[in-house]
Amino acid sequence: MKVCRCRPEFAVDTEFGAGYGINLTAGYARCENGQADLTVEQVKVIQKILDWLETTGGEYPTSES
């Protein structure tokens, strides 16, 4: 398996584990067990989430009328 030598752009902790490295430019996710390529669709979804976080600060809209 080819491992990208570039550094992760993001550090991510999830309910499944901590310390994942994500690089959207190179298209990979990395953990202590190795590295996996991300699909184009996965990169798009992650970027959409990051864009949402940047524009909203992570706040969900309320349904107050």
C-alpha atoms as a PDB file:
ATOM      1  CA  MET A   1       0.000   0.000   0.000  1.00  0.00           C
ATOM      2  CA  LYS A   2       1.264   3.429  -0.989  1.00  0.00           C
ATOM      3  CA  VAL A   3       1.401   5.944   1.878  1.00  0.00           C
ATOM      4  CA  CYS A   4       1.360   9.638   1.091  1.00  0.00           C
ATOM      5  CA  ARG A   5       4.275  11.479   2.698  1.00  0.00           C
ATOM      6  CA  CYS A   6       2.314  14.739   2.910  1.00  0.00           C
ATOM      7  CA  ARG A   7       0.988  15.883   6.260  1.00  0.00           C
ATOM      8  CA  PRO A   8      -2.692  15.643   7.206  1.00  0.00           C
ATOM      9  CA  GLU A   9      -4.673  18.848   6.828  1.00  0.00           C
ATOM     10  CA  PHE A  10      -7.061  17.957   9.673  1.00  0.00           C
ATOM     11  CA  ALA A  11      -6.910  15.917  12.870  1.00  0.00           C
ATOM     12  CA  VAL A  12     -10.173  14.127  13.619  1.00  0.00           C
ATOM     13  CA  ASP A  13     -11.503  12.282  16.657  1.00  0.00           C
ATOM     14  CA  THR A  14     -14.624  10.149  16.247  1.00  0.00           C
ATOM     15  CA  GLU A  15     -16.699   7.766  18.309  1.00  0.00           C
ATOM     16  CA  PHE A  16     -14.633   4.983  16.718  1.00  0.00           C
ATOM     17  CA  GLY A  17     -11.238   6.333  17.700  1.00  0.00           C
ATOM     18  CA  ALA A  18      -8.976   9.330  18.060  1.00  0.00           C
ATOM     19  CA  GLY A  19      -6.088  10.673  16.060  1.00  0.00           C
ATOM     20  CA  TYR A  20      -7.236  10.230  12.480  1.00  0.00           C
ATOM     21  CA  GLY A  21      -5.404  12.387   9.936  1.00  0.00           C
ATOM     22  CA  ILE A  22      -7.383  13.635   6.950  1.00  0.00           C
ATOM     23  CA  ASN A  23      -5.968  15.246   3.825  1.00  0.00           C
ATOM     24  CA  LEU A  24      -8.605  16.336   1.318  1.00  0.00           C
ATOM     25  CA  THR A  25      -6.070  17.622  -1.199  1.00  0.00           C
ATOM     26  CA  ALA A  26      -4.279  14.258  -1.373  1.00  0.00           C
ATOM     27  CA  GLY A  27      -7.511  12.351  -0.698  1.00  0.00           C
ATOM     28  CA  TYR A  28      -6.638  10.115   2.231  1.00  0.00           C
ATOM     29  CA  ALA A  29      -7.540   9.242   5.805  1.00  0.00           C
ATOM     30  CA  ARG A  30      -4.810   7.919   8.077  1.00  0.00           C
ATOM     31  CA  CYS A  31      -4.703   6.260  11.495  1.00  0.00           C
ATOM     32  CA  GLU A  32      -2.110   4.254  13.412  1.00  0.00           C
ATOM     33  CA  ASN A  33      -3.034   1.146  11.380  1.00  0.00           C
ATOM     34  CA  GLY A  34      -2.338   2.717   7.996  1.00  0.00           C
ATOM     35  CA  GLN A  35      -3.850   4.908   5.339  1.00  0.00           C
ATOM     36  CA  ALA A  36      -6.887   4.615   3.068  1.00  0.00           C
ATOM     37  CA  ASP A  37      -7.723   6.558  -0.052  1.00  0.00           C
ATOM     38  CA  LEU A  38     -10.884   8.652   0.054  1.00  0.00           C
ATOM     39  CA  THR A  39     -13.285   8.563  -2.874  1.00  0.00           C
ATOM     40  CA  VAL A  40     -14.192  11.777  -4.683  1.00  0.00           C
ATOM     41  CA  GLU A  41     -17.657  11.547  -3.105  1.00  0.00           C
ATOM     42  CA  GLN A  42     -16.196  11.201   0.407  1.00  0.00           C
ATOM     43  CA  VAL A  43     -13.975  14.246  -0.139  1.00  0.00           C
ATOM     44  CA  LYS A  44     -17.009  16.252  -1.333  1.00  0.00           C
ATOM     45  CA  VAL A  45     -19.084  15.279   1.717  1.00  0.00           C
ATOM     46  CA  ILE A  46     -16.269  16.109   4.145  1.00  0.00           C
ATOM     47  CA  GLN A  47     -15.682  19.454   2.416  1.00  0.00           C
ATOM     48  CA  LYS A  48     -19.411  20.221   2.604  1.00  0.00           C
ATOM     49  CA  ILE A  49     -19.334  19.563   6.371  1.00  0.00           C
ATOM     50  CA  LEU A  50     -16.270  21.781   6.797  1.00  0.00           C
ATOM     51  CA  ASP A  51     -17.917  24.567   4.771  1.00  0.00           C
ATOM     52  CA  TRP A  52     -21.032  24.301   6.964  1.00  0.00           C
ATOM     53  CA  LEU A  53     -18.884  24.543  10.107  1.00  0.00           C
ATOM     54  CA  GLU A  54     -17.078  27.598   8.775  1.00  0.00           C
ATOM     55  CA  THR A  55     -20.250  29.459   7.832  1.00  0.00           C
ATOM     56  CA  THR A  56     -22.366  28.556  10.878  1.00  0.00           C
ATOM     57  CA  GLY A  57     -19.800  27.985  13.605  1.00  0.00           C
ATOM     58  CA  GLY A  58     -21.390  24.572  14.067  1.00  0.00           C
ATOM     59  CA  GLU A  59     -24.712  25.988  15.214  1.00  0.00           C
ATOM     60  CA  TYR A  60     -27.819  24.169  14.050  1.00  0.00           C
ATOM     61  CA  PRO A  61     -30.668  26.441  12.937  1.00  0.00           C
ATOM     62  CA  THR A  62     -33.554  26.712  15.369  1.00  0.00           C
ATOM     63  CA  SER A  63     -37.159  26.390  14.344  1.00  0.00           C
ATOM     64  CA  GLU A  64     -38.337  29.340  16.425  1.00  0.00           C
ATOM     65  CA  SER A  65     -41.070  31.322  14.714  1.00  0.00           C
END
